[in-house]
Protein backbone atom coordinates (compact mmCIF):
# COMPACT_ATOMS: atom_id res chain seq x y z
CA UNK A 1 0.00 0.00 0.00
CA UNK A 2 1.07 3.57 -0.71
CA UNK A 3 0.13 6.73 1.15
CA UNK A 4 -0.14 10.25 -0.29
CA UNK A 5 1.37 13.46 1.06
CA UNK A 6 0.72 16.93 -0.33
CA UNK A 7 3.03 19.68 0.93
CA UNK A 8 1.77 23.24 0.24
CA UNK A 9 0.52 22.27 -3.20
CA UNK A 10 -0.81 25.06 -5.44
CA UNK A 11 -2.17 25.33 -8.95
CA UNK A 12 -2.44 28.55 -10.98
CA UNK A 13 -4.02 28.67 -14.45
CA UNK A 14 -3.07 31.28 -17.04
CA UNK A 15 -0.79 32.98 -14.49
CA UNK A 16 -3.75 34.53 -12.73
CA UNK A 17 -6.44 32.03 -11.65
CA UNK A 18 -5.57 30.37 -8.35
CA UNK A 19 -7.42 27.03 -8.35
CA UNK A 20 -5.61 25.27 -5.47
CA UNK A 21 -4.04 27.37 -2.73
CA UNK A 22 -1.17 25.88 -0.70
CA UNK A 23 -2.95 22.66 0.26
CA UNK A 24 -1.24 20.30 2.67
CA UNK A 25 -2.84 16.91 3.25
CA UNK A 26 -1.72 13.42 4.19
CA UNK A 27 -3.65 10.29 3.19
CA UNK A 28 -2.55 7.19 5.07
CA UNK A 29 -1.88 3.94 3.22
CA UNK A 30 -5.17 2.06 2.82
CA UNK A 31 -7.26 5.07 3.87
CA UNK A 32 -10.47 6.13 2.13
CA UNK A 33 -10.22 9.94 1.88
CA UNK A 34 -13.06 12.01 0.48
CA UNK A 35 -12.53 15.51 -0.96
CA UNK A 36 -15.83 17.30 -0.41
CA UNK A 37 -16.89 20.76 -1.50
CA UNK A 38 -19.04 22.85 -3.84
CA UNK A 39 -18.40 23.10 -7.58
CA UNK A 40 -15.29 25.10 -8.39
CA UNK A 41 -13.61 24.65 -5.00
CA UNK A 42 -10.55 22.89 -6.50
CA UNK A 43 -11.18 19.29 -5.46
CA UNK A 44 -11.04 17.82 -8.98
CA UNK A 45 -7.94 19.89 -9.79
CA UNK A 46 -6.27 18.49 -6.68
CA UNK A 47 -7.21 14.94 -7.73
CA UNK A 48 -5.81 15.49 -11.22
CA UNK A 49 -2.53 16.76 -9.74
CA UNK A 50 -2.23 13.55 -7.72
CA UNK A 51 -2.86 11.57 -10.92
CA UNK A 52 -0.31 13.58 -12.88
CA UNK A 53 -2.85 15.04 -15.31
CA UNK A 54 -2.11 18.55 -14.02
CA UNK A 55 1.32 19.95 -13.22
CA UNK A 56 1.94 21.47 -9.81
CA UNK A 57 2.57 25.21 -9.87
CA UNK A 58 4.08 25.00 -6.41
CA UNK A 59 4.63 22.52 -3.59
CA UNK A 60 5.55 18.84 -3.41
CA UNK A 61 3.67 15.59 -3.97
CA UNK A 62 4.86 12.35 -2.37
CA UNK A 63 3.49 8.88 -3.10
CA UNK A 64 4.83 6.73 -0.32
CA UNK A 65 8.53 7.56 -0.11
CA UNK A 66 8.73 8.63 -3.74
CA UNK A 67 8.72 12.29 -4.75
CA UNK A 68 6.12 12.17 -7.51
CA UNK A 69 5.91 15.81 -8.61
CA UNK A 70 7.83 15.05 -11.82
CA UNK A 71 6.66 11.50 -12.47
CA UNK A 72 4.61 10.69 -15.57
CA UNK A 73 1.05 9.46 -14.86
CA UNK A 74 1.87 5.92 -16.04
CA UNK A 75 4.68 5.66 -13.48
CA UNK A 76 2.60 6.60 -10.44
CA UNK A 77 0.75 3.31 -9.89
CA UNK A 78 -2.58 5.14 -9.96
CA UNK A 79 -5.98 4.21 -11.38
CA UNK A 80 -8.52 6.95 -12.07
CA UNK A 81 -12.27 6.63 -12.60
CA UNK A 82 -13.98 9.63 -14.19
CA UNK A 83 -17.52 10.88 -13.84
CA UNK A 84 -18.57 9.54 -17.24
CA UNK A 85 -16.83 6.13 -17.13
CA UNK A 86 -15.15 6.75 -20.53
CA UNK A 87 -15.33 3.21 -21.92
CA UNK A 88 -14.14 2.12 -25.35
CA UNK A 89 -17.43 1.93 -27.34
CA UNK A 90 -16.14 -0.70 -29.79
CA UNK A 91 -15.09 -3.15 -27.05
CA UNK A 92 -17.28 -5.36 -24.90
CA UNK A 93 -17.35 -4.90 -21.13
CA UNK A 94 -14.97 -7.87 -20.82
CA UNK A 95 -12.51 -6.38 -23.30
CA UNK A 96 -12.70 -2.97 -21.62
CA UNK A 97 -11.77 -4.48 -18.26
CA UNK A 98 -8.94 -6.65 -19.59
CA UNK A 99 -7.45 -3.95 -21.86
CA UNK A 100 -4.86 -2.63 -19.32
CA UNK A 101 -3.61 -6.18 -18.72
CA UNK A 102 -3.39 -6.89 -22.44
CA UNK A 103 -1.27 -3.76 -22.92
CA UNK A 104 0.98 -5.04 -20.13
CA UNK A 105 1.21 -8.39 -22.03
CA UNK A 106 0.08 -10.47 -19.08
CA UNK A 107 -0.80 -14.15 -19.44
CA UNK A 108 -4.24 -14.47 -21.13
CA UNK A 109 -5.36 -17.22 -18.77
CA UNK A 110 -4.57 -15.11 -15.70
CA UNK A 111 -6.21 -12.11 -17.33
CA UNK A 112 -9.47 -14.00 -17.86
CA UNK A 113 -9.41 -15.26 -14.26
CA UNK A 114 -8.94 -11.71 -12.94
CA UNK A 115 -11.75 -10.37 -15.10
CA UNK A 116 -14.13 -13.13 -14.01
CA UNK A 117 -13.28 -12.55 -10.35
CA UNK A 118 -13.86 -8.80 -10.64
CA UNK A 119 -17.12 -9.35 -12.47
CA UNK A 120 -18.41 -11.39 -9.53
CA UNK A 121 -17.40 -8.66 -7.07
CA UNK A 122 -18.95 -5.91 -9.20
CA UNK A 123 -22.04 -8.00 -10.09
CA UNK A 124 -21.64 -7.53 -13.85
CA UNK A 125 -21.06 -11.15 -14.91
CA UNK A 126 -24.10 -11.16 -17.18
CA UNK A 127 -22.97 -7.95 -18.92
CA UNK A 128 -19.39 -8.96 -19.79
CA UNK A 129 -20.11 -9.74 -23.44
CA UNK A 130 -22.21 -6.64 -24.11
CA UNK A 131 -21.09 -3.33 -25.59
CA UNK A 132 -21.20 -0.09 -23.54
CA UNK A 133 -24.15 1.32 -25.51
CA UNK A 134 -26.34 -1.57 -24.30
CA UNK A 135 -25.40 -1.16 -20.62
CA UNK A 136 -27.20 0.90 -17.98
CA UNK A 137 -25.44 3.82 -16.33
CA UNK A 138 -24.67 1.76 -13.24
CA UNK A 139 -23.29 -1.12 -15.30
CA UNK A 140 -21.05 1.21 -17.32
CA UNK A 141 -19.67 2.72 -14.14
CA UNK A 142 -19.01 -0.75 -12.70
CA UNK A 143 -17.10 -1.69 -15.85
CA UNK A 144 -15.05 1.51 -15.57
CA UNK A 145 -14.23 0.69 -11.95
CA UNK A 146 -13.29 -2.86 -12.93
CA UNK A 147 -10.96 -1.61 -15.67
CA UNK A 148 -9.31 0.75 -13.19
CA UNK A 149 -8.65 -1.76 -10.43
CA UNK A 150 -7.91 -4.87 -12.51
CA UNK A 151 -4.23 -3.99 -12.69
CA UNK A 152 -4.11 -3.71 -8.87
CA UNK A 153 -3.09 -0.04 -8.54
CA UNK A 154 -1.37 1.31 -5.45
CA UNK A 155 -3.77 4.28 -5.37
CA UNK A 156 -7.38 4.53 -6.54
CA UNK A 157 -8.75 7.96 -7.53
CA UNK A 158 -12.46 8.56 -8.20
CA UNK A 159 -13.88 11.80 -9.61
CA UNK A 160 -17.62 12.01 -8.80
CA UNK A 161 -18.29 8.52 -10.25
CA UNK A 162 -21.94 8.43 -9.13
CA UNK A 163 -23.17 11.89 -10.13
CA UNK A 164 -24.76 10.71 -13.40
CA UNK A 165 -26.79 7.92 -11.79
CA UNK A 166 -30.31 7.96 -10.33
CA UNK A 167 -30.81 7.99 -6.57
CA UNK A 168 -31.43 4.24 -6.20
CA UNK A 169 -28.42 3.30 -8.29
CA UNK A 170 -26.22 5.80 -6.41
CA UNK A 171 -27.12 4.23 -3.09
CA UNK A 172 -26.48 0.69 -4.32
CA UNK A 173 -23.18 1.44 -6.04
CA UNK A 174 -22.00 3.65 -3.18
CA UNK A 175 -22.26 0.72 -0.79
CA UNK A 176 -20.39 -1.53 -3.20
CA UNK A 177 -17.59 1.00 -3.75
CA UNK A 178 -17.04 1.39 -0.02
CA UNK A 179 -16.98 -2.35 0.60
CA UNK A 180 -14.74 -3.03 -2.41
CA UNK A 181 -12.18 -0.36 -1.52
CA UNK A 182 -11.86 -1.74 2.00
CA UNK A 183 -11.72 -5.36 0.82
CA UNK A 184 -8.90 -4.49 -1.59
CA UNK A 185 -7.26 -2.33 1.11
CA UNK A 186 -6.18 0.22 -1.51
CA UNK A 187 -5.53 3.90 -0.77
CA UNK A 188 -8.52 5.78 -2.20
CA UNK A 189 -9.21 9.47 -2.84
CA UNK A 190 -12.82 10.14 -3.77
CA UNK A 191 -14.12 13.51 -5.02
CA UNK A 192 -17.75 14.50 -4.53
CA UNK A 193 -20.03 17.45 -3.81
CA UNK A 194 -22.59 15.13 -2.17
CA UNK A 195 -22.37 15.18 1.63
CA UNK A 196 -24.23 11.87 1.94
CA UNK A 197 -21.58 10.11 -0.16
CA UNK A 198 -18.84 11.73 1.91
CA UNK A 199 -20.32 10.92 5.31
CA UNK A 200 -21.13 7.30 4.42
CA UNK A 201 -17.96 6.37 2.51
CA UNK A 202 -15.06 8.20 4.12
CA UNK A 203 -12.57 7.22 6.76
CA UNK A 204 -11.77 10.94 6.76
CA UNK A 205 -13.19 13.95 4.91
CA UNK A 206 -11.34 17.05 3.69
CA UNK A 207 -13.82 19.88 3.07
CA UNK A 208 -12.57 22.35 0.45
CA UNK A 209 -13.54 25.93 -0.36
CA UNK A 210 -11.92 28.43 -2.72
CA UNK A 211 -8.95 26.15 -3.35
CA UNK A 212 -8.18 25.60 0.34
CA UNK A 213 -8.98 22.92 2.90
CA UNK A 214 -11.30 24.28 5.59
CA UNK A 215 -11.44 21.18 7.79
CA UNK A 216 -10.20 17.58 7.91
CA UNK A 217 -11.45 14.81 10.14
CA UNK A 218 -13.60 11.73 10.47
CA UNK A 219 -17.23 12.10 9.36
CA UNK A 220 -18.30 12.40 12.99
CA UNK A 221 -15.66 15.04 13.75
CA UNK A 222 -16.38 17.39 10.84
CA UNK A 223 -20.14 17.10 11.40
CA UNK A 224 -20.23 17.44 15.19
CA UNK A 225 -17.16 19.67 15.66
CA UNK A 226 -16.84 21.83 12.50
CA UNK A 227 -13.83 24.16 12.28
CA UNK A 228 -15.64 26.92 10.37
CA UNK A 229 -19.14 28.25 9.76
CA UNK A 230 -18.85 27.19 6.12
CA UNK A 231 -18.20 23.56 7.11
CA UNK A 232 -21.08 23.65 9.59
CA UNK A 233 -23.38 25.01 6.88
CA UNK A 234 -22.22 22.62 4.17
CA UNK A 235 -22.83 19.48 6.21
CA UNK A 236 -26.20 18.43 7.50
CA UNK A 237 -29.83 18.35 6.36
CA UNK A 238 -31.66 20.53 7.13
CA UNK A 239 -28.96 23.18 7.09
CA UNK A 240 -27.60 24.36 10.43
CA UNK A 241 -29.06 27.52 11.97
CA UNK A 242 -26.37 30.23 12.00
CA UNK A 243 -27.49 33.18 14.09
CA UNK A 244 -25.89 36.62 14.30
CA UNK A 245 -25.22 37.50 17.93
CA UNK A 246 -23.43 39.98 20.18
CA UNK A 247 -21.55 38.89 23.29
CA UNK A 248 -22.89 40.49 26.48
CA UNK A 249 -20.94 40.22 29.76
CA UNK A 250 -22.45 41.23 33.11
CA UNK A 251 -20.59 42.62 36.12
CA UNK A 252 -20.39 39.10 37.50
CA UNK A 253 -18.77 37.86 34.26
CA UNK A 254 -21.84 35.96 33.20
CA UNK A 255 -21.96 35.64 29.42
CA UNK A 256 -25.01 35.74 27.22
CA UNK A 257 -25.43 35.82 23.46
CA UNK A 258 -27.68 38.70 22.43
CA UNK A 259 -29.70 37.68 19.36
CA UNK A 260 -31.51 41.00 19.07
CA UNK A 261 -34.54 40.95 21.33
CA UNK A 262 -33.80 37.43 22.53
CA UNK A 263 -30.73 35.90 24.15
CA UNK A 264 -29.08 32.66 25.15
CA UNK A 265 -27.23 32.48 28.48
CA UNK A 266 -24.10 30.34 28.66
CA UNK A 267 -23.48 28.37 31.86
CA UNK A 268 -20.73 29.86 34.03
CA UNK A 269 -18.80 26.56 33.93
CA UNK A 270 -18.86 26.49 30.14
CA UNK A 271 -15.31 27.01 28.78
CA UNK A 272 -16.76 29.32 26.13
CA UNK A 273 -17.87 31.68 28.90
CA UNK A 274 -14.22 31.97 29.94
CA UNK A 275 -13.14 32.66 26.36
CA UNK A 276 -15.85 35.27 25.75
CA UNK A 277 -15.91 36.93 29.19
CA UNK A 278 -13.30 39.55 28.21
CA UNK A 279 -14.94 40.47 24.93
CA UNK A 280 -18.15 42.28 25.74
CA UNK A 281 -19.73 43.70 22.58
CA UNK A 282 -17.94 41.49 20.07
CA UNK A 283 -19.99 40.12 17.17
CA UNK A 284 -20.10 36.34 16.77
CA UNK A 285 -22.02 33.69 14.84
CA UNK A 286 -23.89 31.06 16.84
CA UNK A 287 -24.61 27.72 15.15
CA UNK A 288 -27.18 25.20 16.25
CA UNK A 289 -28.55 22.23 14.30
CA UNK A 290 -32.26 21.59 14.15
CA UNK A 291 -32.13 18.93 16.86
CA UNK A 292 -30.38 21.29 19.32
CA UNK A 293 -33.74 23.00 19.92
CA UNK A 294 -36.73 21.44 21.66
CA UNK A 295 -40.20 22.94 21.36
CA UNK A 296 -41.78 23.15 24.79
CA UNK A 297 -44.52 24.89 26.73
CA UNK A 298 -41.85 26.80 28.64
CA UNK A 299 -38.51 27.55 27.02
CA UNK A 300 -36.94 28.23 30.41
CA UNK A 301 -33.91 30.42 31.05
CA UNK A 302 -32.20 29.43 27.81
CA UNK A 303 -35.40 29.42 25.81
CA UNK A 304 -36.36 31.30 22.66
CA UNK A 305 -39.75 32.17 21.23
CA UNK A 306 -41.29 32.65 17.83
CA UNK A 307 -44.24 31.99 15.53
CA UNK A 308 -44.54 28.72 13.66
CA UNK A 309 -44.64 29.72 9.99
CA UNK A 310 -44.68 26.29 8.32
CA UNK A 311 -44.39 22.56 8.94
CA UNK A 312 -42.90 19.98 6.59
CA UNK A 313 -43.47 16.23 6.85
CA UNK A 314 -40.24 14.26 6.22
CA UNK A 315 -41.51 10.76 6.90
CA UNK A 316 -39.71 10.03 10.16
CA UNK A 317 -39.91 13.59 11.47
CA UNK A 318 -41.50 17.00 11.10
CA UNK A 319 -39.41 20.07 10.29
CA UNK A 320 -40.71 23.39 11.65
CA UNK A 321 -39.87 26.84 10.30
CA UNK A 322 -40.13 29.44 13.05
CA UNK A 323 -40.16 33.22 12.67
CA UNK A 324 -38.15 34.44 15.64
CA UNK A 325 -36.87 37.86 14.57
CA UNK A 326 -33.29 36.56 14.83
CA UNK A 327 -30.87 37.67 12.13
CA UNK A 328 -29.52 34.62 10.30
CA UNK A 329 -26.16 34.24 8.56
CA UNK A 330 -25.48 32.74 5.14
CA UNK A 331 -22.50 30.35 5.57
CA UNK A 332 -21.65 30.55 1.86
CA UNK A 333 -20.73 34.21 2.26
CA UNK A 334 -18.94 34.16 5.62
CA UNK A 335 -15.20 34.76 5.16
CA UNK A 336 -15.49 35.35 1.40
CA UNK A 337 -13.68 38.71 1.60
CA UNK A 338 -10.87 37.11 3.61
CA UNK A 339 -10.51 34.38 0.98
CA UNK A 340 -10.26 37.00 -1.76
CA UNK A 341 -7.52 38.79 0.15
CA UNK A 342 -5.58 35.54 0.52
CA UNK A 343 -5.77 34.89 -3.22
CA UNK A 344 -4.59 38.39 -4.13
CA UNK A 345 -1.69 38.22 -1.67
CA UNK A 346 -0.49 34.98 -3.24
CA UNK A 347 -0.11 36.58 -6.66
CA UNK A 348 2.51 39.15 -7.64
CA UNK A 349 1.76 42.27 -9.69
CA UNK A 350 2.64 40.47 -12.94
CA UNK A 351 0.37 37.52 -12.12
CA UNK A 352 3.01 34.98 -11.11
CA UNK A 353 2.34 32.78 -8.10
CA UNK A 354 4.41 33.68 -5.04
CA UNK A 355 5.70 30.66 -3.17
CA UNK A 356 6.29 32.18 0.23
CA UNK A 357 3.51 34.75 0.48
CA UNK A 358 1.79 34.65 3.87
CA UNK A 359 -1.54 36.49 4.16
CA UNK A 360 -2.17 39.08 6.85
CA UNK A 361 -5.67 37.72 7.33
CA UNK A 362 -4.52 34.25 8.41
CA UNK A 363 -1.35 33.66 10.46
CA UNK A 364 0.97 30.83 9.44
CA UNK A 365 0.61 29.18 12.85
CA UNK A 366 -2.70 28.29 14.55
CA UNK A 367 -4.06 31.02 16.79
CA UNK A 368 -6.07 30.59 19.96
CA UNK A 369 -9.71 31.50 20.24
CA UNK A 370 -8.77 34.33 22.61
CA UNK A 371 -6.32 35.83 20.11
CA UNK A 372 -8.88 35.57 17.32
CA UNK A 373 -11.44 37.45 19.37
CA UNK A 374 -8.92 40.07 20.45
CA UNK A 375 -7.99 40.72 16.85
CA UNK A 376 -11.63 40.89 15.83
CA UNK A 377 -12.38 43.34 18.63
CA UNK A 378 -9.56 45.67 17.54
CA UNK A 379 -10.67 45.54 13.93
CA UNK A 380 -14.34 46.15 14.70
CA UNK A 381 -13.73 49.91 15.00
CA UNK A 382 -12.70 50.02 11.35
CA UNK A 383 -15.65 47.97 10.11
CA UNK A 384 -17.79 51.01 9.33
CA UNK A 385 -15.09 52.44 7.08
CA UNK A 386 -14.70 49.21 5.09
CA UNK A 387 -16.01 49.15 1.49
CA UNK A 388 -19.51 47.69 1.12
CA UNK A 389 -19.63 43.95 0.47
CA UNK A 390 -22.31 41.42 -0.33
CA UNK A 391 -24.32 40.97 2.87
CA UNK A 392 -23.82 37.80 4.85
CA UNK A 393 -26.87 38.36 7.05
CA UNK A 394 -30.49 37.80 6.17
CA UNK A 395 -33.86 37.56 7.83
CA UNK A 396 -34.95 33.96 7.81
CA UNK A 397 -36.56 31.23 9.84
CA UNK A 398 -35.09 29.03 12.50
CA UNK A 399 -35.34 25.39 11.41
CA UNK A 400 -36.27 22.93 14.14
CA UNK A 401 -37.24 19.28 14.46
CA UNK A 402 -40.54 18.71 16.24
CA UNK A 403 -42.44 15.76 17.62
CA UNK A 404 -45.45 14.86 15.44
CA UNK A 405 -47.41 14.22 18.64
CA UNK A 406 -47.03 17.86 19.72
CA UNK A 407 -50.07 18.80 17.60
CA UNK A 408 -48.56 22.07 16.33
CA UNK A 409 -50.21 24.09 13.58
CA UNK A 410 -48.96 26.90 11.37
CA UNK A 411 -49.38 30.32 12.95
CA UNK A 412 -49.06 29.09 16.53
CA UNK A 413 -46.74 30.83 18.97
CA UNK A 414 -44.06 28.47 20.27
CA UNK A 415 -41.20 28.51 22.75
CA UNK A 416 -38.22 26.25 22.46
CA UNK A 417 -35.42 25.29 24.78
CA UNK A 418 -31.80 25.43 23.60
CA UNK A 419 -29.18 22.79 24.40
CA UNK A 420 -26.24 25.17 24.86
CA UNK A 421 -23.76 22.29 24.93
CA UNK A 422 -24.60 21.63 21.27
CA UNK A 423 -24.07 25.19 20.06
CA UNK A 424 -21.00 26.21 18.04
CA UNK A 425 -19.62 29.75 18.25
CA UNK A 426 -17.69 31.34 15.37
CA UNK A 427 -16.05 34.73 14.91
CA UNK A 428 -17.28 37.00 12.11
CA UNK A 429 -14.87 35.43 9.61
CA UNK A 430 -16.36 32.04 10.37
CA UNK A 431 -13.61 30.47 12.52
CA UNK A 432 -14.56 28.53 15.64
CA UNK A 433 -13.71 30.31 18.85
CA UNK A 434 -14.65 27.41 21.10
CA UNK A 435 -13.02 24.44 19.40
CA UNK A 436 -10.79 22.15 21.45
CA UNK A 437 -7.62 21.38 19.46
CA UNK A 438 -5.71 18.15 20.03
């Protein structure tokens, strides 16, 4: 098995478009790593650089102990499956799968045994003698996967292989891909924009945005302990509630989060109270998933109130949309200006990429939550003088999960308790201020 290491890898197109921005990532041998992110975030470009289909503008790529930055694609021991499958139309499924072994002049008897064995694993035995035009989308993709892995690659790369399939076929083939990759124990990097694929397939997920990695961790880690507001907003259905808030500190150092007419009090023993207690008046973003709120007759000390605008039936649960007067935040826009500054600072005046540029907006070394808040507090005085930008805030509903037995109807006034232990707090650029780093 072979692992992958990316050291400050960058890719610039046409001397001006920064597609991948100093990405460092390590994929352990035998690990199933998923690159997740919206369209245009650089995940496919990063995959193609690993495969050798794109040259690195900057940085180093290591495959195992071999520096692979200058290696030709055929010398990297990599198999790549594309979104479309890309089969030879004039060859049967059997001939498509065996083609790499025929080029390598392997023994025909062994080749046929390998193809038959793979066909059983991929459940395409009945389709081996058919041409691609007669196969279903799922069968074509299985053949493409078989052709990729038949030569036993050291690394398996997959670029959104399920995006052209219907929902039922995606679910079925997703399960088979995960089981097959683990049975073969091959290092796998899988690109997708579908969070369900990422959460169900990955050993670890790297969430990308604007050419950079925002967070890396196991599916449970990136979902339950997101590093940024963007990651919190990208993962989860329904989308996380991100609320604009102001820190309020009393004379007794009790901390509450002012949501504009309503507030959430943090327990005095909560470590976030210690972090925020010296930053009265600072603006933050408070994130809470739909199941962090419980509709009740009495919201209690940490309760909120609102009017039930709509209910949606989702089979196993009801989703409620509550008008609460709280200003909500769009995670897609948080930190966008900072990302633009980083990109401009990594390009010289003549458009060439600068290897050692370090942005002012993000220190080279990790900073503590306290230092982040201190910096934000000092910069808040200049916020009014900053040029106008696309707004990140919007009036919207809080999204909650409710018990069908509660008998709620649209238009009713409701109160709901908040589980403060399940809230995430971010600074205005979207970085967590309460995350425990290991």
